[in-house]
Each structure stands twice: as C-alpha cells, then as structure tokens.
Amino acid sequence: MSEHPEPAPSAPAPPAAPAARERRPRRRLTVDDWAEAALAALGERGLAGVAVEPLAARLGTTKGSFYWHFANRDALVAAALARWEEMSTERIIAAMEAAEPDPAGRLATLLRAATASAVEDPLEVRLLAAGDHPEVAAALARVTERRVGYLARLFVRLGFPPEAARHRAFLAYTSYLGHAQLSHALPGAVPADPAYLAAVAEALLKP
C-alpha cells in the first residue's frame, strides 16, 4: 500500500454554458410603420379594423409604442390616410411623369395599372364604404380632386377643351372606381382581360 494515496478524482466540471445568443436591438417603429399597418387592417376589415391593441400585436410591440407616436386613434387614422394619399396618388403621378412622356400612353397605363391594383387590393373600396367618417371623407375629396385634375390635364394636352377634358377625366375615374367596386362585390362579373381596359382607354380618347 502506497504511503501517499492518490487523491480521489475530482467531479467533472459542469459543461460550459452556451454562449448567450446575441440579441439584435429591435428596430424602433416609426409613424409610417403604424400607418402602413393601419392601412393593411383597413383594407382587410374596414375602418373598424384600425384598433390599437390588434395593431400593436401585428407589429410585435406594445401600446406604449403607439402612444409614443400618436395622441389617440383619430391621429393614427389621419396618419394612415396621409400615407395613402402619398403612396397611391402623389408617387404614382410622379412615376408617370418620369416614365411615360406621351399623354395618351399615360392615360392607358394609369387606367390599366390602377384598375389592376384596385382589383387585387380592396383598400380603396373600403375607404369609399367609410366615407361617412369625416377624416375619410376629406381624404377622399382631396384624392378625387387631385386624380381627376391630373387626368383632365392629360386630356387637355391631347387637344380636348378644358370642360370636355374634365368630363372625360370624371368618366375615366368613375370607370376605374366602378370596375374596382364591382370586382370586389361580384368577383368574376367584370372582364379581367387586358384587352377590355385597352378598349376603355381607346373609347375615352376618341374625339
């Protein structure tokens, strides 16, 4: 027997803790983030869908983030409508001005693109249905005047007198709105063939 016994084996060291997963800081939400979420909810469920708690859940945040940016729900609705005006009217007009030099080409492109977009996205139909809300009514009035005014200027550039140009602009705009509303109310009831929209544009351009 050895005079100096071997020391007892020590207990195995506990496994090293896995490195903590590096957390990325959450991006701070902006007014536009909330406005976009509100517009998406409005398109899905109408104005009633614009509610703070469901939107906070949708954005993965809390009501505190909402009150950081907005005093109340009405302020959010106003921001969402301003976002809609900018994205669906001002930016589209600017893009048309930059991309298509021919007024007739712009009219045809606008009618085709706007109608296709409205058929896919019910937002504008929902907004029309909420026209009894003061903020929505005011936004619809501004957008209608801006769009019809732009269309009328295109018709003037094509040689139509100002009064006739405005009449044709209203005819083009109401054709677009009617097509969008009917396509959501009765899917499949309106022609989806691009040739149909081309024929509508051609009819609008006839003297």
N, C-alpha and C. Protein backbone atom coordinates (compact mmCIF):
# COMPACT_ATOMS: atom_id res chain seq x y z
N MET A 1 0.84 -1.19 0.00
CA MET A 1 0.00 0.00 0.00
C MET A 1 0.88 1.24 0.00
N SER A 2 0.55 2.23 -0.85
CA SER A 2 1.38 3.42 -1.00
C SER A 2 1.25 4.31 0.20
N GLU A 3 2.40 4.95 0.60
CA GLU A 3 2.35 5.90 1.70
C GLU A 3 1.56 7.14 1.35
N HIS A 4 1.52 7.47 0.12
CA HIS A 4 0.80 8.70 -0.33
C HIS A 4 -0.29 8.28 -1.31
N PRO A 5 -1.46 8.02 -0.76
CA PRO A 5 -2.55 7.56 -1.65
C PRO A 5 -2.89 8.62 -2.70
N GLU A 6 -3.31 8.12 -3.81
CA GLU A 6 -3.69 9.05 -4.89
C GLU A 6 -4.95 9.80 -4.51
N PRO A 7 -5.03 11.09 -4.82
CA PRO A 7 -6.23 11.86 -4.49
C PRO A 7 -7.43 11.34 -5.28
N ALA A 8 -8.57 11.43 -4.62
CA ALA A 8 -9.81 10.99 -5.29
C ALA A 8 -10.06 11.84 -6.52
N PRO A 9 -10.55 11.23 -7.56
CA PRO A 9 -10.81 12.02 -8.78
C PRO A 9 -11.84 13.09 -8.53
N SER A 10 -11.56 14.27 -9.01
CA SER A 10 -12.50 15.38 -8.80
C SER A 10 -13.70 15.23 -9.71
N ALA A 11 -14.81 15.82 -9.28
CA ALA A 11 -16.04 15.75 -10.07
C ALA A 11 -15.83 16.47 -11.38
N PRO A 12 -16.39 15.96 -12.44
CA PRO A 12 -16.22 16.63 -13.74
C PRO A 12 -16.80 18.04 -13.72
N ALA A 13 -16.09 18.91 -14.36
CA ALA A 13 -16.56 20.31 -14.40
C ALA A 13 -17.86 20.38 -15.18
N PRO A 14 -18.76 21.22 -14.73
CA PRO A 14 -20.03 21.34 -15.46
C PRO A 14 -19.76 21.87 -16.86
N PRO A 15 -20.56 21.44 -17.80
CA PRO A 15 -20.34 21.90 -19.18
C PRO A 15 -20.48 23.41 -19.26
N ALA A 16 -19.67 23.97 -20.12
CA ALA A 16 -19.71 25.42 -20.25
C ALA A 16 -21.08 25.83 -20.78
N ALA A 17 -21.59 26.90 -20.20
CA ALA A 17 -22.89 27.39 -20.66
C ALA A 17 -22.77 27.86 -22.10
N PRO A 18 -23.75 27.54 -22.90
CA PRO A 18 -23.67 28.00 -24.28
C PRO A 18 -23.63 29.51 -24.34
N ALA A 19 -22.89 29.99 -25.30
CA ALA A 19 -22.80 31.44 -25.42
C ALA A 19 -24.17 32.03 -25.60
N ALA A 20 -24.41 33.08 -24.88
CA ALA A 20 -25.72 33.74 -24.99
C ALA A 20 -25.94 34.20 -26.42
N ARG A 21 -27.15 33.91 -26.93
CA ARG A 21 -27.46 34.33 -28.29
C ARG A 21 -27.44 35.85 -28.38
N GLU A 22 -26.75 36.30 -29.34
CA GLU A 22 -26.62 37.76 -29.49
C GLU A 22 -27.98 38.33 -29.89
N ARG A 23 -28.45 39.25 -29.11
CA ARG A 23 -29.76 39.84 -29.40
C ARG A 23 -29.59 41.09 -30.24
N ARG A 24 -30.33 41.11 -31.34
CA ARG A 24 -30.31 42.30 -32.16
C ARG A 24 -31.30 43.30 -31.59
N PRO A 25 -30.90 44.52 -31.47
CA PRO A 25 -31.84 45.50 -30.96
C PRO A 25 -33.03 45.64 -31.91
N ARG A 26 -34.24 45.64 -31.35
CA ARG A 26 -35.43 45.78 -32.15
C ARG A 26 -35.48 47.17 -32.77
N ARG A 27 -35.81 47.20 -34.06
CA ARG A 27 -35.89 48.49 -34.74
C ARG A 27 -37.05 49.29 -34.15
N ARG A 28 -36.78 50.53 -33.86
CA ARG A 28 -37.84 51.38 -33.31
C ARG A 28 -38.86 51.68 -34.40
N LEU A 29 -40.12 51.44 -34.09
CA LEU A 29 -41.18 51.67 -35.06
C LEU A 29 -41.35 53.16 -35.33
N THR A 30 -41.77 53.46 -36.54
CA THR A 30 -41.98 54.85 -36.94
C THR A 30 -43.46 55.11 -37.16
N VAL A 31 -43.79 56.36 -37.37
CA VAL A 31 -45.16 56.73 -37.71
C VAL A 31 -45.60 55.99 -38.97
N ASP A 32 -44.70 55.90 -39.96
CA ASP A 32 -45.05 55.21 -41.20
C ASP A 32 -45.32 53.73 -40.98
N ASP A 33 -44.60 53.09 -40.05
CA ASP A 33 -44.85 51.68 -39.75
C ASP A 33 -46.28 51.50 -39.25
N TRP A 34 -46.67 52.36 -38.33
CA TRP A 34 -48.03 52.30 -37.78
C TRP A 34 -49.06 52.62 -38.86
N ALA A 35 -48.78 53.61 -39.68
CA ALA A 35 -49.71 53.99 -40.73
C ALA A 35 -49.89 52.86 -41.74
N GLU A 36 -48.80 52.19 -42.11
CA GLU A 36 -48.88 51.06 -43.05
C GLU A 36 -49.70 49.92 -42.44
N ALA A 37 -49.47 49.64 -41.16
CA ALA A 37 -50.23 48.57 -40.50
C ALA A 37 -51.71 48.93 -40.43
N ALA A 38 -52.00 50.20 -40.17
CA ALA A 38 -53.39 50.65 -40.12
C ALA A 38 -54.06 50.52 -41.48
N LEU A 39 -53.34 50.87 -42.55
CA LEU A 39 -53.91 50.73 -43.89
C LEU A 39 -54.16 49.27 -44.24
N ALA A 40 -53.24 48.40 -43.85
CA ALA A 40 -53.44 46.97 -44.11
C ALA A 40 -54.68 46.45 -43.38
N ALA A 41 -54.84 46.86 -42.13
CA ALA A 41 -56.01 46.44 -41.36
C ALA A 41 -57.29 47.03 -41.95
N LEU A 42 -57.21 48.26 -42.41
CA LEU A 42 -58.37 48.91 -43.00
C LEU A 42 -58.80 48.17 -44.27
N GLY A 43 -57.82 47.78 -45.08
CA GLY A 43 -58.14 47.03 -46.28
C GLY A 43 -58.76 45.68 -45.99
N GLU A 44 -58.39 45.07 -44.87
CA GLU A 44 -58.90 43.75 -44.51
C GLU A 44 -60.27 43.81 -43.86
N ARG A 45 -60.48 44.80 -42.96
CA ARG A 45 -61.70 44.80 -42.15
C ARG A 45 -62.44 46.12 -42.15
N GLY A 46 -61.99 47.07 -42.95
CA GLY A 46 -62.64 48.36 -42.93
C GLY A 46 -62.12 49.20 -41.78
N LEU A 47 -62.75 50.35 -41.57
CA LEU A 47 -62.28 51.28 -40.55
C LEU A 47 -62.31 50.67 -39.15
N ALA A 48 -63.22 49.75 -38.90
CA ALA A 48 -63.29 49.09 -37.60
C ALA A 48 -62.03 48.29 -37.30
N GLY A 49 -61.29 47.90 -38.33
CA GLY A 49 -60.07 47.13 -38.12
C GLY A 49 -58.91 47.95 -37.60
N VAL A 50 -59.05 49.27 -37.61
CA VAL A 50 -57.98 50.13 -37.11
C VAL A 50 -58.16 50.29 -35.60
N ALA A 51 -57.61 49.36 -34.85
CA ALA A 51 -57.71 49.35 -33.39
C ALA A 51 -56.30 49.18 -32.81
N VAL A 52 -56.03 49.87 -31.72
CA VAL A 52 -54.66 49.97 -31.22
C VAL A 52 -54.09 48.62 -30.82
N GLU A 53 -54.77 47.87 -29.96
CA GLU A 53 -54.19 46.64 -29.44
C GLU A 53 -53.92 45.60 -30.54
N PRO A 54 -54.88 45.33 -31.45
CA PRO A 54 -54.55 44.39 -32.53
C PRO A 54 -53.41 44.85 -33.41
N LEU A 55 -53.32 46.16 -33.66
CA LEU A 55 -52.22 46.66 -34.48
C LEU A 55 -50.89 46.51 -33.76
N ALA A 56 -50.89 46.75 -32.45
CA ALA A 56 -49.65 46.56 -31.68
C ALA A 56 -49.20 45.10 -31.77
N ALA A 57 -50.15 44.17 -31.63
CA ALA A 57 -49.81 42.76 -31.75
C ALA A 57 -49.29 42.44 -33.15
N ARG A 58 -49.90 43.02 -34.13
CA ARG A 58 -49.48 42.80 -35.52
C ARG A 58 -48.04 43.26 -35.73
N LEU A 59 -47.69 44.35 -35.10
CA LEU A 59 -46.35 44.92 -35.24
C LEU A 59 -45.35 44.34 -34.25
N GLY A 60 -45.81 43.48 -33.35
CA GLY A 60 -44.92 42.88 -32.37
C GLY A 60 -44.44 43.87 -31.33
N THR A 61 -45.32 44.78 -30.92
CA THR A 61 -44.93 45.79 -29.94
C THR A 61 -46.06 45.97 -28.94
N THR A 62 -45.98 47.03 -28.17
CA THR A 62 -46.97 47.29 -27.13
C THR A 62 -47.70 48.59 -27.42
N LYS A 63 -48.75 48.84 -26.65
CA LYS A 63 -49.48 50.09 -26.81
C LYS A 63 -48.62 51.30 -26.49
N GLY A 64 -47.57 51.08 -25.71
CA GLY A 64 -46.68 52.20 -25.38
C GLY A 64 -46.05 52.80 -26.62
N SER A 65 -45.71 51.94 -27.61
CA SER A 65 -45.15 52.43 -28.85
C SER A 65 -46.16 53.30 -29.59
N PHE A 66 -47.42 52.88 -29.55
CA PHE A 66 -48.46 53.67 -30.21
C PHE A 66 -48.54 55.06 -29.59
N TYR A 67 -48.62 55.12 -28.26
CA TYR A 67 -48.79 56.42 -27.60
C TYR A 67 -47.52 57.26 -27.65
N TRP A 68 -46.41 56.66 -28.03
CA TRP A 68 -45.20 57.45 -28.25
C TRP A 68 -45.37 58.32 -29.49
N HIS A 69 -46.13 57.80 -30.48
CA HIS A 69 -46.29 58.50 -31.76
C HIS A 69 -47.62 59.23 -31.91
N PHE A 70 -48.65 58.74 -31.26
CA PHE A 70 -50.00 59.28 -31.52
C PHE A 70 -50.72 59.59 -30.21
N ALA A 71 -51.51 60.64 -30.27
CA ALA A 71 -52.30 61.00 -29.08
C ALA A 71 -53.50 60.08 -28.92
N ASN A 72 -54.06 59.63 -30.04
CA ASN A 72 -55.26 58.79 -29.98
C ASN A 72 -55.45 58.09 -31.33
N ARG A 73 -56.51 57.32 -31.42
CA ARG A 73 -56.79 56.56 -32.65
C ARG A 73 -57.06 57.48 -33.83
N ASP A 74 -57.74 58.58 -33.59
CA ASP A 74 -58.03 59.50 -34.70
C ASP A 74 -56.74 60.02 -35.34
N ALA A 75 -55.72 60.24 -34.52
CA ALA A 75 -54.44 60.69 -35.07
C ALA A 75 -53.81 59.61 -35.93
N LEU A 76 -53.98 58.36 -35.55
CA LEU A 76 -53.48 57.25 -36.38
C LEU A 76 -54.24 57.18 -37.70
N VAL A 77 -55.56 57.32 -37.64
CA VAL A 77 -56.35 57.30 -38.87
C VAL A 77 -55.90 58.41 -39.81
N ALA A 78 -55.66 59.61 -39.25
CA ALA A 78 -55.20 60.73 -40.08
C ALA A 78 -53.84 60.42 -40.72
N ALA A 79 -52.93 59.83 -39.96
CA ALA A 79 -51.61 59.47 -40.50
C ALA A 79 -51.73 58.41 -41.58
N ALA A 80 -52.62 57.44 -41.37
CA ALA A 80 -52.81 56.38 -42.36
C ALA A 80 -53.37 56.96 -43.66
N LEU A 81 -54.31 57.88 -43.55
CA LEU A 81 -54.89 58.49 -44.74
C LEU A 81 -53.87 59.34 -45.48
N ALA A 82 -53.05 60.05 -44.73
CA ALA A 82 -51.99 60.84 -45.37
C ALA A 82 -51.02 59.93 -46.10
N ARG A 83 -50.71 58.80 -45.50
CA ARG A 83 -49.82 57.82 -46.14
C ARG A 83 -50.46 57.28 -47.42
N TRP A 84 -51.75 57.00 -47.35
CA TRP A 84 -52.46 56.50 -48.53
C TRP A 84 -52.43 57.54 -49.66
N GLU A 85 -52.70 58.79 -49.33
CA GLU A 85 -52.67 59.85 -50.35
C GLU A 85 -51.30 59.93 -51.02
N GLU A 86 -50.26 59.88 -50.22
CA GLU A 86 -48.90 59.99 -50.76
C GLU A 86 -48.55 58.81 -51.65
N MET A 87 -48.82 57.59 -51.16
CA MET A 87 -48.39 56.40 -51.87
C MET A 87 -49.26 56.10 -53.10
N SER A 88 -50.57 56.33 -52.98
CA SER A 88 -51.47 55.90 -54.04
C SER A 88 -51.77 56.99 -55.06
N THR A 89 -51.34 58.20 -54.80
CA THR A 89 -51.65 59.29 -55.74
C THR A 89 -50.39 60.06 -56.11
N GLU A 90 -49.77 60.71 -55.15
CA GLU A 90 -48.63 61.58 -55.47
C GLU A 90 -47.47 60.81 -56.08
N ARG A 91 -47.13 59.68 -55.50
CA ARG A 91 -45.99 58.92 -56.03
C ARG A 91 -46.29 58.31 -57.39
N ILE A 92 -47.54 57.91 -57.59
CA ILE A 92 -47.90 57.33 -58.88
C ILE A 92 -47.87 58.40 -59.97
N ILE A 93 -48.39 59.58 -59.66
CA ILE A 93 -48.34 60.67 -60.63
C ILE A 93 -46.89 61.02 -60.97
N ALA A 94 -46.05 61.11 -59.95
CA ALA A 94 -44.63 61.41 -60.19
C ALA A 94 -43.98 60.34 -61.04
N ALA A 95 -44.32 59.07 -60.79
CA ALA A 95 -43.74 57.98 -61.57
C ALA A 95 -44.20 58.05 -63.02
N MET A 96 -45.47 58.38 -63.23
CA MET A 96 -45.99 58.50 -64.60
C MET A 96 -45.30 59.64 -65.34
N GLU A 97 -45.12 60.75 -64.66
CA GLU A 97 -44.47 61.90 -65.28
C GLU A 97 -43.04 61.57 -65.71
N ALA A 98 -42.38 60.76 -64.89
CA ALA A 98 -40.98 60.43 -65.17
C ALA A 98 -40.83 59.34 -66.22
N ALA A 99 -41.82 58.43 -66.32
CA ALA A 99 -41.62 57.24 -67.14
C ALA A 99 -42.31 57.28 -68.49
N GLU A 100 -43.37 58.06 -68.62
CA GLU A 100 -44.17 58.00 -69.84
C GLU A 100 -44.41 59.40 -70.39
N PRO A 101 -43.71 59.78 -71.48
CA PRO A 101 -43.83 61.14 -71.99
C PRO A 101 -45.12 61.41 -72.75
N ASP A 102 -45.74 60.36 -73.28
CA ASP A 102 -46.93 60.54 -74.12
C ASP A 102 -48.19 60.58 -73.26
N PRO A 103 -49.01 61.64 -73.34
CA PRO A 103 -50.22 61.72 -72.51
C PRO A 103 -51.19 60.56 -72.74
N ALA A 104 -51.35 60.14 -73.99
CA ALA A 104 -52.23 59.01 -74.27
C ALA A 104 -51.68 57.73 -73.63
N GLY A 105 -50.38 57.57 -73.69
CA GLY A 105 -49.76 56.42 -73.04
C GLY A 105 -49.95 56.45 -71.53
N ARG A 106 -49.84 57.64 -70.95
CA ARG A 106 -50.06 57.76 -69.50
C ARG A 106 -51.48 57.37 -69.11
N LEU A 107 -52.45 57.87 -69.88
CA LEU A 107 -53.85 57.54 -69.57
C LEU A 107 -54.08 56.03 -69.63
N ALA A 108 -53.60 55.41 -70.68
CA ALA A 108 -53.79 53.96 -70.82
C ALA A 108 -53.08 53.20 -69.70
N THR A 109 -51.86 53.62 -69.37
CA THR A 109 -51.10 52.94 -68.32
C THR A 109 -51.75 53.13 -66.96
N LEU A 110 -52.20 54.36 -66.68
CA LEU A 110 -52.85 54.63 -65.41
C LEU A 110 -54.12 53.80 -65.25
N LEU A 111 -54.94 53.77 -66.27
CA LEU A 111 -56.19 53.02 -66.19
C LEU A 111 -55.91 51.54 -65.97
N ARG A 112 -54.96 51.01 -66.71
CA ARG A 112 -54.65 49.58 -66.60
C ARG A 112 -54.05 49.24 -65.24
N ALA A 113 -53.04 50.02 -64.83
CA ALA A 113 -52.34 49.71 -63.58
C ALA A 113 -53.22 49.98 -62.36
N ALA A 114 -53.93 51.11 -62.37
CA ALA A 114 -54.76 51.44 -61.20
C ALA A 114 -55.90 50.46 -61.05
N THR A 115 -56.51 50.07 -62.14
CA THR A 115 -57.62 49.11 -62.06
C THR A 115 -57.14 47.75 -61.57
N ALA A 116 -56.01 47.30 -62.10
CA ALA A 116 -55.47 46.01 -61.65
C ALA A 116 -55.14 46.04 -60.17
N SER A 117 -54.56 47.15 -59.70
CA SER A 117 -54.22 47.26 -58.29
C SER A 117 -55.46 47.27 -57.41
N ALA A 118 -56.49 48.02 -57.83
CA ALA A 118 -57.71 48.10 -57.02
C ALA A 118 -58.46 46.77 -56.99
N VAL A 119 -58.36 46.00 -58.06
CA VAL A 119 -59.00 44.68 -58.07
C VAL A 119 -58.32 43.75 -57.08
N GLU A 120 -56.99 43.85 -56.96
CA GLU A 120 -56.25 42.98 -56.05
C GLU A 120 -56.35 43.45 -54.60
N ASP A 121 -56.37 44.75 -54.38
CA ASP A 121 -56.33 45.31 -53.03
C ASP A 121 -57.65 46.05 -52.76
N PRO A 122 -58.43 45.61 -51.75
CA PRO A 122 -59.73 46.24 -51.50
C PRO A 122 -59.67 47.55 -50.73
N LEU A 123 -58.48 48.10 -50.50
CA LEU A 123 -58.36 49.27 -49.64
C LEU A 123 -59.23 50.43 -50.11
N GLU A 124 -59.17 50.76 -51.38
CA GLU A 124 -59.93 51.92 -51.85
C GLU A 124 -61.43 51.69 -51.75
N VAL A 125 -61.87 50.47 -51.99
CA VAL A 125 -63.29 50.14 -51.84
C VAL A 125 -63.70 50.29 -50.37
N ARG A 126 -62.83 49.87 -49.46
CA ARG A 126 -63.12 50.03 -48.02
C ARG A 126 -63.20 51.50 -47.64
N LEU A 127 -62.30 52.29 -48.21
CA LEU A 127 -62.33 53.73 -47.90
C LEU A 127 -63.61 54.37 -48.40
N LEU A 128 -64.05 54.01 -49.59
CA LEU A 128 -65.31 54.54 -50.10
C LEU A 128 -66.47 54.16 -49.19
N ALA A 129 -66.44 52.94 -48.68
CA ALA A 129 -67.51 52.49 -47.78
C ALA A 129 -67.49 53.24 -46.45
N ALA A 130 -66.33 53.81 -46.09
CA ALA A 130 -66.20 54.55 -44.82
C ALA A 130 -66.30 56.06 -45.05
N GLY A 131 -66.91 56.44 -46.15
CA GLY A 131 -66.98 57.85 -46.50
C GLY A 131 -67.78 58.71 -45.55
N ASP A 132 -68.53 58.09 -44.62
CA ASP A 132 -69.27 58.90 -43.65
C ASP A 132 -68.38 59.35 -42.48
N HIS A 133 -67.16 58.84 -42.41
CA HIS A 133 -66.21 59.30 -41.39
C HIS A 133 -65.60 60.61 -41.88
N PRO A 134 -65.60 61.67 -41.06
CA PRO A 134 -65.14 62.99 -41.54
C PRO A 134 -63.73 62.98 -42.11
N GLU A 135 -62.80 62.32 -41.43
CA GLU A 135 -61.42 62.29 -41.92
C GLU A 135 -61.32 61.55 -43.25
N VAL A 136 -62.04 60.44 -43.36
CA VAL A 136 -62.01 59.66 -44.60
C VAL A 136 -62.65 60.46 -45.73
N ALA A 137 -63.78 61.10 -45.43
CA ALA A 137 -64.46 61.90 -46.46
C ALA A 137 -63.56 63.01 -46.98
N ALA A 138 -62.85 63.68 -46.08
CA ALA A 138 -61.94 64.76 -46.50
C ALA A 138 -60.81 64.22 -47.36
N ALA A 139 -60.26 63.07 -46.99
CA ALA A 139 -59.17 62.47 -47.77
C ALA A 139 -59.67 62.04 -49.14
N LEU A 140 -60.85 61.44 -49.19
CA LEU A 140 -61.42 61.03 -50.47
C LEU A 140 -61.65 62.23 -51.38
N ALA A 141 -62.12 63.34 -50.81
CA ALA A 141 -62.35 64.55 -51.61
C ALA A 141 -61.04 65.08 -52.18
N ARG A 142 -59.99 65.10 -51.35
CA ARG A 142 -58.68 65.60 -51.83
C ARG A 142 -58.13 64.71 -52.92
N VAL A 143 -58.19 63.40 -52.71
CA VAL A 143 -57.63 62.46 -53.68
C VAL A 143 -58.42 62.50 -54.98
N THR A 144 -59.74 62.58 -54.88
CA THR A 144 -60.57 62.64 -56.08
C THR A 144 -60.22 63.88 -56.91
N GLU A 145 -60.13 65.02 -56.26
CA GLU A 145 -59.81 66.25 -56.99
C GLU A 145 -58.41 66.17 -57.59
N ARG A 146 -57.46 65.63 -56.87
CA ARG A 146 -56.09 65.53 -57.38
C ARG A 146 -56.03 64.60 -58.59
N ARG A 147 -56.68 63.45 -58.50
CA ARG A 147 -56.62 62.48 -59.59
C ARG A 147 -57.39 62.98 -60.81
N VAL A 148 -58.60 63.47 -60.59
CA VAL A 148 -59.39 63.97 -61.71
C VAL A 148 -58.70 65.17 -62.35
N GLY A 149 -58.13 66.06 -61.53
CA GLY A 149 -57.42 67.20 -62.07
C GLY A 149 -56.23 66.78 -62.93
N TYR A 150 -55.51 65.76 -62.48
CA TYR A 150 -54.37 65.28 -63.26
C TYR A 150 -54.83 64.66 -64.58
N LEU A 151 -55.87 63.84 -64.52
CA LEU A 151 -56.40 63.25 -65.74
C LEU A 151 -56.89 64.33 -66.71
N ALA A 152 -57.56 65.34 -66.18
CA ALA A 152 -58.06 66.42 -67.03
C ALA A 152 -56.92 67.12 -67.75
N ARG A 153 -55.81 67.34 -67.06
CA ARG A 153 -54.66 67.99 -67.69
C ARG A 153 -54.10 67.13 -68.83
N LEU A 154 -54.14 65.83 -68.64
CA LEU A 154 -53.68 64.95 -69.72
C LEU A 154 -54.60 65.06 -70.94
N PHE A 155 -55.91 65.12 -70.70
CA PHE A 155 -56.84 65.26 -71.81
C PHE A 155 -56.66 66.62 -72.51
N VAL A 156 -56.39 67.66 -71.73
CA VAL A 156 -56.12 68.97 -72.34
C VAL A 156 -54.89 68.88 -73.24
N ARG A 157 -53.86 68.19 -72.78
CA ARG A 157 -52.65 68.05 -73.59
C ARG A 157 -52.90 67.25 -74.86
N LEU A 158 -53.97 66.46 -74.85
CA LEU A 158 -54.33 65.71 -76.04
C LEU A 158 -55.24 66.51 -76.97
N GLY A 159 -55.54 67.74 -76.61
CA GLY A 159 -56.30 68.61 -77.50
C GLY A 159 -57.74 68.83 -77.14
N PHE A 160 -58.21 68.28 -76.03
CA PHE A 160 -59.60 68.48 -75.65
C PHE A 160 -59.76 69.84 -74.94
N PRO A 161 -60.86 70.55 -75.16
CA PRO A 161 -61.11 71.79 -74.42
C PRO A 161 -61.22 71.49 -72.92
N PRO A 162 -60.91 72.47 -72.05
CA PRO A 162 -60.87 72.22 -70.61
C PRO A 162 -62.14 71.58 -70.04
N GLU A 163 -63.32 72.06 -70.44
CA GLU A 163 -64.54 71.48 -69.89
C GLU A 163 -64.72 70.04 -70.33
N ALA A 164 -64.49 69.78 -71.61
CA ALA A 164 -64.61 68.41 -72.12
C ALA A 164 -63.54 67.51 -71.49
N ALA A 165 -62.36 68.06 -71.27
CA ALA A 165 -61.28 67.29 -70.65
C ALA A 165 -61.67 66.86 -69.24
N ARG A 166 -62.29 67.77 -68.49
CA ARG A 166 -62.69 67.42 -67.11
C ARG A 166 -63.81 66.37 -67.13
N HIS A 167 -64.73 66.49 -68.07
CA HIS A 167 -65.79 65.48 -68.17
C HIS A 167 -65.20 64.10 -68.46
N ARG A 168 -64.25 64.04 -69.36
CA ARG A 168 -63.62 62.76 -69.68
C ARG A 168 -62.80 62.24 -68.52
N ALA A 169 -62.20 63.16 -67.78
CA ALA A 169 -61.45 62.74 -66.60
C ALA A 169 -62.36 62.08 -65.57
N PHE A 170 -63.55 62.68 -65.35
CA PHE A 170 -64.51 62.07 -64.43
C PHE A 170 -65.00 60.73 -64.96
N LEU A 171 -65.21 60.65 -66.26
CA LEU A 171 -65.66 59.38 -66.84
C LEU A 171 -64.60 58.30 -66.64
N ALA A 172 -63.33 58.65 -66.85
CA ALA A 172 -62.25 57.69 -66.65
C ALA A 172 -62.16 57.26 -65.18
N TYR A 173 -62.30 58.24 -64.29
CA TYR A 173 -62.15 57.92 -62.86
C TYR A 173 -63.31 57.09 -62.34
N THR A 174 -64.52 57.44 -62.75
CA THR A 174 -65.67 56.66 -62.28
C THR A 174 -65.66 55.26 -62.90
N SER A 175 -65.12 55.13 -64.12
CA SER A 175 -64.97 53.80 -64.71
C SER A 175 -64.04 52.95 -63.86
N TYR A 176 -62.94 53.55 -63.44
CA TYR A 176 -61.98 52.85 -62.57
C TYR A 176 -62.62 52.44 -61.26
N LEU A 177 -63.33 53.39 -60.61
CA LEU A 177 -63.94 53.08 -59.31
C LEU A 177 -65.04 52.02 -59.44
N GLY A 178 -65.86 52.16 -60.48
CA GLY A 178 -66.92 51.17 -60.68
C GLY A 178 -66.36 49.79 -60.94
N HIS A 179 -65.31 49.71 -61.72
CA HIS A 179 -64.67 48.42 -62.00
C HIS A 179 -64.14 47.81 -60.70
N ALA A 180 -63.50 48.64 -59.87
CA ALA A 180 -62.94 48.14 -58.61
C ALA A 180 -64.04 47.66 -57.67
N GLN A 181 -65.09 48.45 -57.50
CA GLN A 181 -66.16 48.08 -56.57
C GLN A 181 -66.87 46.81 -57.02
N LEU A 182 -67.20 46.74 -58.30
CA LEU A 182 -67.92 45.57 -58.79
C LEU A 182 -67.07 44.31 -58.73
N SER A 183 -65.78 44.46 -58.94
CA SER A 183 -64.90 43.28 -58.90
C SER A 183 -64.82 42.69 -57.50
N HIS A 184 -64.99 43.53 -56.46
CA HIS A 184 -64.99 43.01 -55.08
C HIS A 184 -66.37 42.54 -54.66
N ALA A 185 -67.40 43.22 -55.13
CA ALA A 185 -68.76 42.82 -54.77
C ALA A 185 -69.17 41.54 -55.49
N LEU A 186 -68.78 41.43 -56.76
CA LEU A 186 -69.14 40.26 -57.57
C LEU A 186 -67.90 39.77 -58.33
N PRO A 187 -67.02 39.06 -57.65
CA PRO A 187 -65.80 38.59 -58.32
C PRO A 187 -66.13 37.81 -59.60
N GLY A 188 -65.44 38.15 -60.65
CA GLY A 188 -65.67 37.48 -61.93
C GLY A 188 -66.73 38.12 -62.79
N ALA A 189 -67.43 39.13 -62.25
CA ALA A 189 -68.51 39.76 -63.03
C ALA A 189 -67.99 40.75 -64.04
N VAL A 190 -66.80 41.31 -63.80
CA VAL A 190 -66.24 42.29 -64.72
C VAL A 190 -65.10 41.66 -65.49
N PRO A 191 -64.89 42.07 -66.74
CA PRO A 191 -63.82 41.46 -67.54
C PRO A 191 -62.45 41.70 -66.93
N ALA A 192 -61.66 40.66 -66.87
CA ALA A 192 -60.28 40.78 -66.39
C ALA A 192 -59.29 40.85 -67.54
N ASP A 193 -59.80 40.73 -68.75
CA ASP A 193 -58.96 40.72 -69.95
C ASP A 193 -58.33 42.10 -70.16
N PRO A 194 -56.99 42.18 -70.27
CA PRO A 194 -56.36 43.49 -70.53
C PRO A 194 -56.91 44.18 -71.78
N ALA A 195 -57.41 43.39 -72.72
CA ALA A 195 -57.97 43.98 -73.94
C ALA A 195 -59.19 44.83 -73.63
N TYR A 196 -59.92 44.45 -72.58
CA TYR A 196 -61.09 45.24 -72.19
C TYR A 196 -60.67 46.63 -71.73
N LEU A 197 -59.68 46.72 -70.86
CA LEU A 197 -59.20 48.02 -70.38
C LEU A 197 -58.60 48.83 -71.52
N ALA A 198 -57.94 48.16 -72.45
CA ALA A 198 -57.40 48.87 -73.62
C ALA A 198 -58.53 49.47 -74.43
N ALA A 199 -59.65 48.75 -74.55
CA ALA A 199 -60.80 49.26 -75.29
C ALA A 199 -61.43 50.45 -74.56
N VAL A 200 -61.46 50.38 -73.22
CA VAL A 200 -61.99 51.51 -72.44
C VAL A 200 -61.12 52.75 -72.67
N ALA A 201 -59.80 52.58 -72.58
CA ALA A 201 -58.91 53.70 -72.81
C ALA A 201 -59.07 54.27 -74.21
N GLU A 202 -59.22 53.40 -75.18
CA GLU A 202 -59.40 53.86 -76.56
C GLU A 202 -60.69 54.67 -76.70
N ALA A 203 -61.77 54.19 -76.04
CA ALA A 203 -63.04 54.91 -76.11
C ALA A 203 -62.94 56.29 -75.46
N LEU A 204 -62.19 56.39 -74.39
CA LEU A 204 -62.03 57.67 -73.70
C LEU A 204 -61.25 58.67 -74.54
N LEU A 205 -60.41 58.18 -75.43
CA LEU A 205 -59.56 59.07 -76.23
C LEU A 205 -60.21 59.48 -77.55
N LYS A 206 -61.34 58.88 -77.87
CA LYS A 206 -61.97 59.23 -79.13
C LYS A 206 -62.53 60.65 -79.07
N PRO A 207 -62.39 61.43 -80.12
CA PRO A 207 -62.93 62.81 -80.15
C PRO A 207 -64.45 62.80 -79.97
